[in-house]
Amino acid sequence: TGRIGGSASTINGARLSSIFTPAGL
């Protein structure tokens, strides 16, 4: 089994676009 993707939220000033950055991987 495997899963890969990105996740991001606006908590603490973060942005949803971070989902496409290495940090959101």
PDBML (XML) file of the C-alpha atoms, coordinates in Angstrom:
<?xml version="1.0" encoding="UTF-8" ?>
<PDBx:datablock datablockName="MODEL"
   xmlns:PDBx="http://pdbml.pdb.org/schema/pdbx-v50.xsd"
   xmlns:xsi="http://www.w3.org/2001/XMLSchema-instance"
   xsi:schemaLocation="http://pdbml.pdb.org/schema/pdbx-v50.xsd pdbx-v50.xsd">
   <PDBx:atom_siteCategory>
      <PDBx:atom_site id="1">
         <PDBx:B_iso_or_equiv>0.00</PDBx:B_iso_or_equiv>
         <PDBx:Cartn_x>0.000</PDBx:Cartn_x>
         <PDBx:Cartn_y>0.000</PDBx:Cartn_y>
         <PDBx:Cartn_z>0.000</PDBx:Cartn_z>
         <PDBx:auth_asym_id>A</PDBx:auth_asym_id>
         <PDBx:auth_atom_id>CA</PDBx:auth_atom_id>
         <PDBx:auth_comp_id>THR</PDBx:auth_comp_id>
         <PDBx:auth_seq_id>1</PDBx:auth_seq_id>
         <PDBx:group_PDB>ATOM</PDBx:group_PDB>
         <PDBx:label_alt_id xsi:nil="true" />
         <PDBx:label_asym_id>A</PDBx:label_asym_id>
         <PDBx:label_atom_id>CA</PDBx:label_atom_id>
         <PDBx:label_comp_id>THR</PDBx:label_comp_id>
         <PDBx:label_entity_id>1</PDBx:label_entity_id>
         <PDBx:label_seq_id>1</PDBx:label_seq_id>
         <PDBx:occupancy>1.00</PDBx:occupancy>
         <PDBx:pdbx_PDB_model_num>1</PDBx:pdbx_PDB_model_num>
         <PDBx:type_symbol>C</PDBx:type_symbol>
      </PDBx:atom_site>
      <PDBx:atom_site id="2">
         <PDBx:B_iso_or_equiv>0.00</PDBx:B_iso_or_equiv>
         <PDBx:Cartn_x>1.159</PDBx:Cartn_x>
         <PDBx:Cartn_y>3.507</PDBx:Cartn_y>
         <PDBx:Cartn_z>-0.683</PDBx:Cartn_z>
         <PDBx:auth_asym_id>A</PDBx:auth_asym_id>
         <PDBx:auth_atom_id>CA</PDBx:auth_atom_id>
         <PDBx:auth_comp_id>GLY</PDBx:auth_comp_id>
         <PDBx:auth_seq_id>2</PDBx:auth_seq_id>
         <PDBx:group_PDB>ATOM</PDBx:group_PDB>
         <PDBx:label_alt_id xsi:nil="true" />
         <PDBx:label_asym_id>A</PDBx:label_asym_id>
         <PDBx:label_atom_id>CA</PDBx:label_atom_id>
         <PDBx:label_comp_id>GLY</PDBx:label_comp_id>
         <PDBx:label_entity_id>1</PDBx:label_entity_id>
         <PDBx:label_seq_id>2</PDBx:label_seq_id>
         <PDBx:occupancy>1.00</PDBx:occupancy>
         <PDBx:pdbx_PDB_model_num>1</PDBx:pdbx_PDB_model_num>
         <PDBx:type_symbol>C</PDBx:type_symbol>
      </PDBx:atom_site>
      <PDBx:atom_site id="3">
         <PDBx:B_iso_or_equiv>0.00</PDBx:B_iso_or_equiv>
         <PDBx:Cartn_x>0.061</PDBx:Cartn_x>
         <PDBx:Cartn_y>7.101</PDBx:Cartn_y>
         <PDBx:Cartn_z>-0.656</PDBx:Cartn_z>
         <PDBx:auth_asym_id>A</PDBx:auth_asym_id>
         <PDBx:auth_atom_id>CA</PDBx:auth_atom_id>
         <PDBx:auth_comp_id>ARG</PDBx:auth_comp_id>
         <PDBx:auth_seq_id>3</PDBx:auth_seq_id>
         <PDBx:group_PDB>ATOM</PDBx:group_PDB>
         <PDBx:label_alt_id xsi:nil="true" />
         <PDBx:label_asym_id>A</PDBx:label_asym_id>
         <PDBx:label_atom_id>CA</PDBx:label_atom_id>
         <PDBx:label_comp_id>ARG</PDBx:label_comp_id>
         <PDBx:label_entity_id>1</PDBx:label_entity_id>
         <PDBx:label_seq_id>3</PDBx:label_seq_id>
         <PDBx:occupancy>1.00</PDBx:occupancy>
         <PDBx:pdbx_PDB_model_num>1</PDBx:pdbx_PDB_model_num>
         <PDBx:type_symbol>C</PDBx:type_symbol>
      </PDBx:atom_site>
      <PDBx:atom_site id="4">
         <PDBx:B_iso_or_equiv>0.00</PDBx:B_iso_or_equiv>
         <PDBx:Cartn_x>1.687</PDBx:Cartn_x>
         <PDBx:Cartn_y>10.236</PDBx:Cartn_y>
         <PDBx:Cartn_z>-1.977</PDBx:Cartn_z>
         <PDBx:auth_asym_id>A</PDBx:auth_asym_id>
         <PDBx:auth_atom_id>CA</PDBx:auth_atom_id>
         <PDBx:auth_comp_id>ILE</PDBx:auth_comp_id>
         <PDBx:auth_seq_id>4</PDBx:auth_seq_id>
         <PDBx:group_PDB>ATOM</PDBx:group_PDB>
         <PDBx:label_alt_id xsi:nil="true" />
         <PDBx:label_asym_id>A</PDBx:label_asym_id>
         <PDBx:label_atom_id>CA</PDBx:label_atom_id>
         <PDBx:label_comp_id>ILE</PDBx:label_comp_id>
         <PDBx:label_entity_id>1</PDBx:label_entity_id>
         <PDBx:label_seq_id>4</PDBx:label_seq_id>
         <PDBx:occupancy>1.00</PDBx:occupancy>
         <PDBx:pdbx_PDB_model_num>1</PDBx:pdbx_PDB_model_num>
         <PDBx:type_symbol>C</PDBx:type_symbol>
      </PDBx:atom_site>
      <PDBx:atom_site id="5">
         <PDBx:B_iso_or_equiv>0.00</PDBx:B_iso_or_equiv>
         <PDBx:Cartn_x>0.433</PDBx:Cartn_x>
         <PDBx:Cartn_y>13.790</PDBx:Cartn_y>
         <PDBx:Cartn_z>-2.167</PDBx:Cartn_z>
         <PDBx:auth_asym_id>A</PDBx:auth_asym_id>
         <PDBx:auth_atom_id>CA</PDBx:auth_atom_id>
         <PDBx:auth_comp_id>GLY</PDBx:auth_comp_id>
         <PDBx:auth_seq_id>5</PDBx:auth_seq_id>
         <PDBx:group_PDB>ATOM</PDBx:group_PDB>
         <PDBx:label_alt_id xsi:nil="true" />
         <PDBx:label_asym_id>A</PDBx:label_asym_id>
         <PDBx:label_atom_id>CA</PDBx:label_atom_id>
         <PDBx:label_comp_id>GLY</PDBx:label_comp_id>
         <PDBx:label_entity_id>1</PDBx:label_entity_id>
         <PDBx:label_seq_id>5</PDBx:label_seq_id>
         <PDBx:occupancy>1.00</PDBx:occupancy>
         <PDBx:pdbx_PDB_model_num>1</PDBx:pdbx_PDB_model_num>
         <PDBx:type_symbol>C</PDBx:type_symbol>
      </PDBx:atom_site>
      <PDBx:atom_site id="6">
         <PDBx:B_iso_or_equiv>0.00</PDBx:B_iso_or_equiv>
         <PDBx:Cartn_x>0.418</PDBx:Cartn_x>
         <PDBx:Cartn_y>17.169</PDBx:Cartn_y>
         <PDBx:Cartn_z>-0.559</PDBx:Cartn_z>
         <PDBx:auth_asym_id>A</PDBx:auth_asym_id>
         <PDBx:auth_atom_id>CA</PDBx:auth_atom_id>
         <PDBx:auth_comp_id>GLY</PDBx:auth_comp_id>
         <PDBx:auth_seq_id>6</PDBx:auth_seq_id>
         <PDBx:group_PDB>ATOM</PDBx:group_PDB>
         <PDBx:label_alt_id xsi:nil="true" />
         <PDBx:label_asym_id>A</PDBx:label_asym_id>
         <PDBx:label_atom_id>CA</PDBx:label_atom_id>
         <PDBx:label_comp_id>GLY</PDBx:label_comp_id>
         <PDBx:label_entity_id>1</PDBx:label_entity_id>
         <PDBx:label_seq_id>6</PDBx:label_seq_id>
         <PDBx:occupancy>1.00</PDBx:occupancy>
         <PDBx:pdbx_PDB_model_num>1</PDBx:pdbx_PDB_model_num>
         <PDBx:type_symbol>C</PDBx:type_symbol>
      </PDBx:atom_site>
      <PDBx:atom_site id="7">
         <PDBx:B_iso_or_equiv>0.00</PDBx:B_iso_or_equiv>
         <PDBx:Cartn_x>-1.368</PDBx:Cartn_x>
         <PDBx:Cartn_y>18.765</PDBx:Cartn_y>
         <PDBx:Cartn_z>2.336</PDBx:Cartn_z>
         <PDBx:auth_asym_id>A</PDBx:auth_asym_id>
         <PDBx:auth_atom_id>CA</PDBx:auth_atom_id>
         <PDBx:auth_comp_id>SER</PDBx:auth_comp_id>
         <PDBx:auth_seq_id>7</PDBx:auth_seq_id>
         <PDBx:group_PDB>ATOM</PDBx:group_PDB>
         <PDBx:label_alt_id xsi:nil="true" />
         <PDBx:label_asym_id>A</PDBx:label_asym_id>
         <PDBx:label_atom_id>CA</PDBx:label_atom_id>
         <PDBx:label_comp_id>SER</PDBx:label_comp_id>
         <PDBx:label_entity_id>1</PDBx:label_entity_id>
         <PDBx:label_seq_id>7</PDBx:label_seq_id>
         <PDBx:occupancy>1.00</PDBx:occupancy>
         <PDBx:pdbx_PDB_model_num>1</PDBx:pdbx_PDB_model_num>
         <PDBx:type_symbol>C</PDBx:type_symbol>
      </PDBx:atom_site>
      <PDBx:atom_site id="8">
         <PDBx:B_iso_or_equiv>0.00</PDBx:B_iso_or_equiv>
         <PDBx:Cartn_x>-1.615</PDBx:Cartn_x>
         <PDBx:Cartn_y>22.402</PDBx:Cartn_y>
         <PDBx:Cartn_z>3.462</PDBx:Cartn_z>
         <PDBx:auth_asym_id>A</PDBx:auth_asym_id>
         <PDBx:auth_atom_id>CA</PDBx:auth_atom_id>
         <PDBx:auth_comp_id>ALA</PDBx:auth_comp_id>
         <PDBx:auth_seq_id>8</PDBx:auth_seq_id>
         <PDBx:group_PDB>ATOM</PDBx:group_PDB>
         <PDBx:label_alt_id xsi:nil="true" />
         <PDBx:label_asym_id>A</PDBx:label_asym_id>
         <PDBx:label_atom_id>CA</PDBx:label_atom_id>
         <PDBx:label_comp_id>ALA</PDBx:label_comp_id>
         <PDBx:label_entity_id>1</PDBx:label_entity_id>
         <PDBx:label_seq_id>8</PDBx:label_seq_id>
         <PDBx:occupancy>1.00</PDBx:occupancy>
         <PDBx:pdbx_PDB_model_num>1</PDBx:pdbx_PDB_model_num>
         <PDBx:type_symbol>C</PDBx:type_symbol>
      </PDBx:atom_site>
      <PDBx:atom_site id="9">
         <PDBx:B_iso_or_equiv>0.00</PDBx:B_iso_or_equiv>
         <PDBx:Cartn_x>-3.803</PDBx:Cartn_x>
         <PDBx:Cartn_y>24.678</PDBx:Cartn_y>
         <PDBx:Cartn_z>5.566</PDBx:Cartn_z>
         <PDBx:auth_asym_id>A</PDBx:auth_asym_id>
         <PDBx:auth_atom_id>CA</PDBx:auth_atom_id>
         <PDBx:auth_comp_id>SER</PDBx:auth_comp_id>
         <PDBx:auth_seq_id>9</PDBx:auth_seq_id>
         <PDBx:group_PDB>ATOM</PDBx:group_PDB>
         <PDBx:label_alt_id xsi:nil="true" />
         <PDBx:label_asym_id>A</PDBx:label_asym_id>
         <PDBx:label_atom_id>CA</PDBx:label_atom_id>
         <PDBx:label_comp_id>SER</PDBx:label_comp_id>
         <PDBx:label_entity_id>1</PDBx:label_entity_id>
         <PDBx:label_seq_id>9</PDBx:label_seq_id>
         <PDBx:occupancy>1.00</PDBx:occupancy>
         <PDBx:pdbx_PDB_model_num>1</PDBx:pdbx_PDB_model_num>
         <PDBx:type_symbol>C</PDBx:type_symbol>
      </PDBx:atom_site>
      <PDBx:atom_site id="10">
         <PDBx:B_iso_or_equiv>0.00</PDBx:B_iso_or_equiv>
         <PDBx:Cartn_x>-4.104</PDBx:Cartn_x>
         <PDBx:Cartn_y>28.352</PDBx:Cartn_y>
         <PDBx:Cartn_z>6.507</PDBx:Cartn_z>
         <PDBx:auth_asym_id>A</PDBx:auth_asym_id>
         <PDBx:auth_atom_id>CA</PDBx:auth_atom_id>
         <PDBx:auth_comp_id>THR</PDBx:auth_comp_id>
         <PDBx:auth_seq_id>10</PDBx:auth_seq_id>
         <PDBx:group_PDB>ATOM</PDBx:group_PDB>
         <PDBx:label_alt_id xsi:nil="true" />
         <PDBx:label_asym_id>A</PDBx:label_asym_id>
         <PDBx:label_atom_id>CA</PDBx:label_atom_id>
         <PDBx:label_comp_id>THR</PDBx:label_comp_id>
         <PDBx:label_entity_id>1</PDBx:label_entity_id>
         <PDBx:label_seq_id>10</PDBx:label_seq_id>
         <PDBx:occupancy>1.00</PDBx:occupancy>
         <PDBx:pdbx_PDB_model_num>1</PDBx:pdbx_PDB_model_num>
         <PDBx:type_symbol>C</PDBx:type_symbol>
      </PDBx:atom_site>
      <PDBx:atom_site id="11">
         <PDBx:B_iso_or_equiv>0.00</PDBx:B_iso_or_equiv>
         <PDBx:Cartn_x>-3.300</PDBx:Cartn_x>
         <PDBx:Cartn_y>27.730</PDBx:Cartn_y>
         <PDBx:Cartn_z>10.182</PDBx:Cartn_z>
         <PDBx:auth_asym_id>A</PDBx:auth_asym_id>
         <PDBx:auth_atom_id>CA</PDBx:auth_atom_id>
         <PDBx:auth_comp_id>ILE</PDBx:auth_comp_id>
         <PDBx:auth_seq_id>11</PDBx:auth_seq_id>
         <PDBx:group_PDB>ATOM</PDBx:group_PDB>
         <PDBx:label_alt_id xsi:nil="true" />
         <PDBx:label_asym_id>A</PDBx:label_asym_id>
         <PDBx:label_atom_id>CA</PDBx:label_atom_id>
         <PDBx:label_comp_id>ILE</PDBx:label_comp_id>
         <PDBx:label_entity_id>1</PDBx:label_entity_id>
         <PDBx:label_seq_id>11</PDBx:label_seq_id>
         <PDBx:occupancy>1.00</PDBx:occupancy>
         <PDBx:pdbx_PDB_model_num>1</PDBx:pdbx_PDB_model_num>
         <PDBx:type_symbol>C</PDBx:type_symbol>
      </PDBx:atom_site>
      <PDBx:atom_site id="12">
         <PDBx:B_iso_or_equiv>0.00</PDBx:B_iso_or_equiv>
         <PDBx:Cartn_x>-0.668</PDBx:Cartn_x>
         <PDBx:Cartn_y>30.102</PDBx:Cartn_y>
         <PDBx:Cartn_z>11.639</PDBx:Cartn_z>
         <PDBx:auth_asym_id>A</PDBx:auth_asym_id>
         <PDBx:auth_atom_id>CA</PDBx:auth_atom_id>
         <PDBx:auth_comp_id>ASN</PDBx:auth_comp_id>
         <PDBx:auth_seq_id>12</PDBx:auth_seq_id>
         <PDBx:group_PDB>ATOM</PDBx:group_PDB>
         <PDBx:label_alt_id xsi:nil="true" />
         <PDBx:label_asym_id>A</PDBx:label_asym_id>
         <PDBx:label_atom_id>CA</PDBx:label_atom_id>
         <PDBx:label_comp_id>ASN</PDBx:label_comp_id>
         <PDBx:label_entity_id>1</PDBx:label_entity_id>
         <PDBx:label_seq_id>12</PDBx:label_seq_id>
         <PDBx:occupancy>1.00</PDBx:occupancy>
         <PDBx:pdbx_PDB_model_num>1</PDBx:pdbx_PDB_model_num>
         <PDBx:type_symbol>C</PDBx:type_symbol>
      </PDBx:atom_site>
      <PDBx:atom_site id="13">
         <PDBx:B_iso_or_equiv>0.00</PDBx:B_iso_or_equiv>
         <PDBx:Cartn_x>-0.563</PDBx:Cartn_x>
         <PDBx:Cartn_y>32.161</PDBx:Cartn_y>
         <PDBx:Cartn_z>8.483</PDBx:Cartn_z>
         <PDBx:auth_asym_id>A</PDBx:auth_asym_id>
         <PDBx:auth_atom_id>CA</PDBx:auth_atom_id>
         <PDBx:auth_comp_id>GLY</PDBx:auth_comp_id>
         <PDBx:auth_seq_id>13</PDBx:auth_seq_id>
         <PDBx:group_PDB>ATOM</PDBx:group_PDB>
         <PDBx:label_alt_id xsi:nil="true" />
         <PDBx:label_asym_id>A</PDBx:label_asym_id>
         <PDBx:label_atom_id>CA</PDBx:label_atom_id>
         <PDBx:label_comp_id>GLY</PDBx:label_comp_id>
         <PDBx:label_entity_id>1</PDBx:label_entity_id>
         <PDBx:label_seq_id>13</PDBx:label_seq_id>
         <PDBx:occupancy>1.00</PDBx:occupancy>
         <PDBx:pdbx_PDB_model_num>1</PDBx:pdbx_PDB_model_num>
         <PDBx:type_symbol>C</PDBx:type_symbol>
      </PDBx:atom_site>
      <PDBx:atom_site id="14">
         <PDBx:B_iso_or_equiv>0.00</PDBx:B_iso_or_equiv>
         <PDBx:Cartn_x>0.355</PDBx:Cartn_x>
         <PDBx:Cartn_y>29.322</PDBx:Cartn_y>
         <PDBx:Cartn_z>6.095</PDBx:Cartn_z>
         <PDBx:auth_asym_id>A</PDBx:auth_asym_id>
         <PDBx:auth_atom_id>CA</PDBx:auth_atom_id>
         <PDBx:auth_comp_id>ALA</PDBx:auth_comp_id>
         <PDBx:auth_seq_id>14</PDBx:auth_seq_id>
         <PDBx:group_PDB>ATOM</PDBx:group_PDB>
         <PDBx:label_alt_id xsi:nil="true" />
         <PDBx:label_asym_id>A</PDBx:label_asym_id>
         <PDBx:label_atom_id>CA</PDBx:label_atom_id>
         <PDBx:label_comp_id>ALA</PDBx:label_comp_id>
         <PDBx:label_entity_id>1</PDBx:label_entity_id>
         <PDBx:label_seq_id>14</PDBx:label_seq_id>
         <PDBx:occupancy>1.00</PDBx:occupancy>
         <PDBx:pdbx_PDB_model_num>1</PDBx:pdbx_PDB_model_num>
         <PDBx:type_symbol>C</PDBx:type_symbol>
      </PDBx:atom_site>
      <PDBx:atom_site id="15">
         <PDBx:B_iso_or_equiv>0.00</PDBx:B_iso_or_equiv>
         <PDBx:Cartn_x>-1.001</PDBx:Cartn_x>
         <PDBx:Cartn_y>29.214</PDBx:Cartn_y>
         <PDBx:Cartn_z>2.580</PDBx:Cartn_z>
         <PDBx:auth_asym_id>A</PDBx:auth_asym_id>
         <PDBx:auth_atom_id>CA</PDBx:auth_atom_id>
         <PDBx:auth_comp_id>ARG</PDBx:auth_comp_id>
         <PDBx:auth_seq_id>15</PDBx:auth_seq_id>
         <PDBx:group_PDB>ATOM</PDBx:group_PDB>
         <PDBx:label_alt_id xsi:nil="true" />
         <PDBx:label_asym_id>A</PDBx:label_asym_id>
         <PDBx:label_atom_id>CA</PDBx:label_atom_id>
         <PDBx:label_comp_id>ARG</PDBx:label_comp_id>
         <PDBx:label_entity_id>1</PDBx:label_entity_id>
         <PDBx:label_seq_id>15</PDBx:label_seq_id>
         <PDBx:occupancy>1.00</PDBx:occupancy>
         <PDBx:pdbx_PDB_model_num>1</PDBx:pdbx_PDB_model_num>
         <PDBx:type_symbol>C</PDBx:type_symbol>
      </PDBx:atom_site>
      <PDBx:atom_site id="16">
         <PDBx:B_iso_or_equiv>0.00</PDBx:B_iso_or_equiv>
         <PDBx:Cartn_x>-2.947</PDBx:Cartn_x>
         <PDBx:Cartn_y>26.575</PDBx:Cartn_y>
         <PDBx:Cartn_z>0.673</PDBx:Cartn_z>
         <PDBx:auth_asym_id>A</PDBx:auth_asym_id>
         <PDBx:auth_atom_id>CA</PDBx:auth_atom_id>
         <PDBx:auth_comp_id>LEU</PDBx:auth_comp_id>
         <PDBx:auth_seq_id>16</PDBx:auth_seq_id>
         <PDBx:group_PDB>ATOM</PDBx:group_PDB>
         <PDBx:label_alt_id xsi:nil="true" />
         <PDBx:label_asym_id>A</PDBx:label_asym_id>
         <PDBx:label_atom_id>CA</PDBx:label_atom_id>
         <PDBx:label_comp_id>LEU</PDBx:label_comp_id>
         <PDBx:label_entity_id>1</PDBx:label_entity_id>
         <PDBx:label_seq_id>16</PDBx:label_seq_id>
         <PDBx:occupancy>1.00</PDBx:occupancy>
         <PDBx:pdbx_PDB_model_num>1</PDBx:pdbx_PDB_model_num>
         <PDBx:type_symbol>C</PDBx:type_symbol>
      </PDBx:atom_site>
      <PDBx:atom_site id="17">
         <PDBx:B_iso_or_equiv>0.00</PDBx:B_iso_or_equiv>
         <PDBx:Cartn_x>-0.504</PDBx:Cartn_x>
         <PDBx:Cartn_y>26.920</PDBx:Cartn_y>
         <PDBx:Cartn_z>-2.215</PDBx:Cartn_z>
         <PDBx:auth_asym_id>A</PDBx:auth_asym_id>
         <PDBx:auth_atom_id>CA</PDBx:auth_atom_id>
         <PDBx:auth_comp_id>SER</PDBx:auth_comp_id>
         <PDBx:auth_seq_id>17</PDBx:auth_seq_id>
         <PDBx:group_PDB>ATOM</PDBx:group_PDB>
         <PDBx:label_alt_id xsi:nil="true" />
         <PDBx:label_asym_id>A</PDBx:label_asym_id>
         <PDBx:label_atom_id>CA</PDBx:label_atom_id>
         <PDBx:label_comp_id>SER</PDBx:label_comp_id>
         <PDBx:label_entity_id>1</PDBx:label_entity_id>
         <PDBx:label_seq_id>17</PDBx:label_seq_id>
         <PDBx:occupancy>1.00</PDBx:occupancy>
         <PDBx:pdbx_PDB_model_num>1</PDBx:pdbx_PDB_model_num>
         <PDBx:type_symbol>C</PDBx:type_symbol>
      </PDBx:atom_site>
      <PDBx:atom_site id="18">
         <PDBx:B_iso_or_equiv>0.00</PDBx:B_iso_or_equiv>
         <PDBx:Cartn_x>2.119</PDBx:Cartn_x>
         <PDBx:Cartn_y>25.272</PDBx:Cartn_y>
         <PDBx:Cartn_z>-0.020</PDBx:Cartn_z>
         <PDBx:auth_asym_id>A</PDBx:auth_asym_id>
         <PDBx:auth_atom_id>CA</PDBx:auth_atom_id>
         <PDBx:auth_comp_id>SER</PDBx:auth_comp_id>
         <PDBx:auth_seq_id>18</PDBx:auth_seq_id>
         <PDBx:group_PDB>ATOM</PDBx:group_PDB>
         <PDBx:label_alt_id xsi:nil="true" />
         <PDBx:label_asym_id>A</PDBx:label_asym_id>
         <PDBx:label_atom_id>CA</PDBx:label_atom_id>
         <PDBx:label_comp_id>SER</PDBx:label_comp_id>
         <PDBx:label_entity_id>1</PDBx:label_entity_id>
         <PDBx:label_seq_id>18</PDBx:label_seq_id>
         <PDBx:occupancy>1.00</PDBx:occupancy>
         <PDBx:pdbx_PDB_model_num>1</PDBx:pdbx_PDB_model_num>
         <PDBx:type_symbol>C</PDBx:type_symbol>
      </PDBx:atom_site>
      <PDBx:atom_site id="19">
         <PDBx:B_iso_or_equiv>0.00</PDBx:B_iso_or_equiv>
         <PDBx:Cartn_x>0.550</PDBx:Cartn_x>
         <PDBx:Cartn_y>21.990</PDBx:Cartn_y>
         <PDBx:Cartn_z>-1.036</PDBx:Cartn_z>
         <PDBx:auth_asym_id>A</PDBx:auth_asym_id>
         <PDBx:auth_atom_id>CA</PDBx:auth_atom_id>
         <PDBx:auth_comp_id>ILE</PDBx:auth_comp_id>
         <PDBx:auth_seq_id>19</PDBx:auth_seq_id>
         <PDBx:group_PDB>ATOM</PDBx:group_PDB>
         <PDBx:label_alt_id xsi:nil="true" />
         <PDBx:label_asym_id>A</PDBx:label_asym_id>
         <PDBx:label_atom_id>CA</PDBx:label_atom_id>
         <PDBx:label_comp_id>ILE</PDBx:label_comp_id>
         <PDBx:label_entity_id>1</PDBx:label_entity_id>
         <PDBx:label_seq_id>19</PDBx:label_seq_id>
         <PDBx:occupancy>1.00</PDBx:occupancy>
         <PDBx:pdbx_PDB_model_num>1</PDBx:pdbx_PDB_model_num>
         <PDBx:type_symbol>C</PDBx:type_symbol>
      </PDBx:atom_site>
      <PDBx:atom_site id="20">
         <PDBx:B_iso_or_equiv>0.00</PDBx:B_iso_or_equiv>
         <PDBx:Cartn_x>2.689</PDBx:Cartn_x>
         <PDBx:Cartn_y>22.148</PDBx:Cartn_y>
         <PDBx:Cartn_z>-4.181</PDBx:Cartn_z>
         <PDBx:auth_asym_id>A</PDBx:auth_asym_id>
         <PDBx:auth_atom_id>CA</PDBx:auth_atom_id>
         <PDBx:auth_comp_id>PHE</PDBx:auth_comp_id>
         <PDBx:auth_seq_id>20</PDBx:auth_seq_id>
         <PDBx:group_PDB>ATOM</PDBx:group_PDB>
         <PDBx:label_alt_id xsi:nil="true" />
         <PDBx:label_asym_id>A</PDBx:label_asym_id>
         <PDBx:label_atom_id>CA</PDBx:label_atom_id>
         <PDBx:label_comp_id>PHE</PDBx:label_comp_id>
         <PDBx:label_entity_id>1</PDBx:label_entity_id>
         <PDBx:label_seq_id>20</PDBx:label_seq_id>
         <PDBx:occupancy>1.00</PDBx:occupancy>
         <PDBx:pdbx_PDB_model_num>1</PDBx:pdbx_PDB_model_num>
         <PDBx:type_symbol>C</PDBx:type_symbol>
      </PDBx:atom_site>
      <PDBx:atom_site id="21">
         <PDBx:B_iso_or_equiv>0.00</PDBx:B_iso_or_equiv>
         <PDBx:Cartn_x>5.980</PDBx:Cartn_x>
         <PDBx:Cartn_y>22.778</PDBx:Cartn_y>
         <PDBx:Cartn_z>-2.327</PDBx:Cartn_z>
         <PDBx:auth_asym_id>A</PDBx:auth_asym_id>
         <PDBx:auth_atom_id>CA</PDBx:auth_atom_id>
         <PDBx:auth_comp_id>THR</PDBx:auth_comp_id>
         <PDBx:auth_seq_id>21</PDBx:auth_seq_id>
         <PDBx:group_PDB>ATOM</PDBx:group_PDB>
         <PDBx:label_alt_id xsi:nil="true" />
         <PDBx:label_asym_id>A</PDBx:label_asym_id>
         <PDBx:label_atom_id>CA</PDBx:label_atom_id>
         <PDBx:label_comp_id>THR</PDBx:label_comp_id>
         <PDBx:label_entity_id>1</PDBx:label_entity_id>
         <PDBx:label_seq_id>21</PDBx:label_seq_id>
         <PDBx:occupancy>1.00</PDBx:occupancy>
         <PDBx:pdbx_PDB_model_num>1</PDBx:pdbx_PDB_model_num>
         <PDBx:type_symbol>C</PDBx:type_symbol>
      </PDBx:atom_site>
      <PDBx:atom_site id="22">
         <PDBx:B_iso_or_equiv>0.00</PDBx:B_iso_or_equiv>
         <PDBx:Cartn_x>8.399</PDBx:Cartn_x>
         <PDBx:Cartn_y>20.214</PDBx:Cartn_y>
         <PDBx:Cartn_z>-0.914</PDBx:Cartn_z>
         <PDBx:auth_asym_id>A</PDBx:auth_asym_id>
         <PDBx:auth_atom_id>CA</PDBx:auth_atom_id>
         <PDBx:auth_comp_id>PRO</PDBx:auth_comp_id>
         <PDBx:auth_seq_id>22</PDBx:auth_seq_id>
         <PDBx:group_PDB>ATOM</PDBx:group_PDB>
         <PDBx:label_alt_id xsi:nil="true" />
         <PDBx:label_asym_id>A</PDBx:label_asym_id>
         <PDBx:label_atom_id>CA</PDBx:label_atom_id>
         <PDBx:label_comp_id>PRO</PDBx:label_comp_id>
         <PDBx:label_entity_id>1</PDBx:label_entity_id>
         <PDBx:label_seq_id>22</PDBx:label_seq_id>
         <PDBx:occupancy>1.00</PDBx:occupancy>
         <PDBx:pdbx_PDB_model_num>1</PDBx:pdbx_PDB_model_num>
         <PDBx:type_symbol>C</PDBx:type_symbol>
      </PDBx:atom_site>
      <PDBx:atom_site id="23">
         <PDBx:B_iso_or_equiv>0.00</PDBx:B_iso_or_equiv>
         <PDBx:Cartn_x>7.296</PDBx:Cartn_x>
         <PDBx:Cartn_y>21.219</PDBx:Cartn_y>
         <PDBx:Cartn_z>2.543</PDBx:Cartn_z>
         <PDBx:auth_asym_id>A</PDBx:auth_asym_id>
         <PDBx:auth_atom_id>CA</PDBx:auth_atom_id>
         <PDBx:auth_comp_id>ALA</PDBx:auth_comp_id>
         <PDBx:auth_seq_id>23</PDBx:auth_seq_id>
         <PDBx:group_PDB>ATOM</PDBx:group_PDB>
         <PDBx:label_alt_id xsi:nil="true" />
         <PDBx:label_asym_id>A</PDBx:label_asym_id>
         <PDBx:label_atom_id>CA</PDBx:label_atom_id>
         <PDBx:label_comp_id>ALA</PDBx:label_comp_id>
         <PDBx:label_entity_id>1</PDBx:label_entity_id>
         <PDBx:label_seq_id>23</PDBx:label_seq_id>
         <PDBx:occupancy>1.00</PDBx:occupancy>
         <PDBx:pdbx_PDB_model_num>1</PDBx:pdbx_PDB_model_num>
         <PDBx:type_symbol>C</PDBx:type_symbol>
      </PDBx:atom_site>
      <PDBx:atom_site id="24">
         <PDBx:B_iso_or_equiv>0.00</PDBx:B_iso_or_equiv>
         <PDBx:Cartn_x>3.730</PDBx:Cartn_x>
         <PDBx:Cartn_y>20.130</PDBx:Cartn_y>
         <PDBx:Cartn_z>1.743</PDBx:Cartn_z>
         <PDBx:auth_asym_id>A</PDBx:auth_asym_id>
         <PDBx:auth_atom_id>CA</PDBx:auth_atom_id>
         <PDBx:auth_comp_id>GLY</PDBx:auth_comp_id>
         <PDBx:auth_seq_id>24</PDBx:auth_seq_id>
         <PDBx:group_PDB>ATOM</PDBx:group_PDB>
         <PDBx:label_alt_id xsi:nil="true" />
         <PDBx:label_asym_id>A</PDBx:label_asym_id>
         <PDBx:label_atom_id>CA</PDBx:label_atom_id>
         <PDBx:label_comp_id>GLY</PDBx:label_comp_id>
         <PDBx:label_entity_id>1</PDBx:label_entity_id>
         <PDBx:label_seq_id>24</PDBx:label_seq_id>
         <PDBx:occupancy>1.00</PDBx:occupancy>
         <PDBx:pdbx_PDB_model_num>1</PDBx:pdbx_PDB_model_num>
         <PDBx:type_symbol>C</PDBx:type_symbol>
      </PDBx:atom_site>
      <PDBx:atom_site id="25">
         <PDBx:B_iso_or_equiv>0.00</PDBx:B_iso_or_equiv>
         <PDBx:Cartn_x>4.760</PDBx:Cartn_x>
         <PDBx:Cartn_y>16.727</PDBx:Cartn_y>
         <PDBx:Cartn_z>0.380</PDBx:Cartn_z>
         <PDBx:auth_asym_id>A</PDBx:auth_asym_id>
         <PDBx:auth_atom_id>CA</PDBx:auth_atom_id>
         <PDBx:auth_comp_id>LEU</PDBx:auth_comp_id>
         <PDBx:auth_seq_id>25</PDBx:auth_seq_id>
         <PDBx:group_PDB>ATOM</PDBx:group_PDB>
         <PDBx:label_alt_id xsi:nil="true" />
         <PDBx:label_asym_id>A</PDBx:label_asym_id>
         <PDBx:label_atom_id>CA</PDBx:label_atom_id>
         <PDBx:label_comp_id>LEU</PDBx:label_comp_id>
         <PDBx:label_entity_id>1</PDBx:label_entity_id>
         <PDBx:label_seq_id>25</PDBx:label_seq_id>
         <PDBx:occupancy>1.00</PDBx:occupancy>
         <PDBx:pdbx_PDB_model_num>1</PDBx:pdbx_PDB_model_num>
         <PDBx:type_symbol>C</PDBx:type_symbol>
      </PDBx:atom_site>
   </PDBx:atom_siteCategory>
</PDBx:datablock>
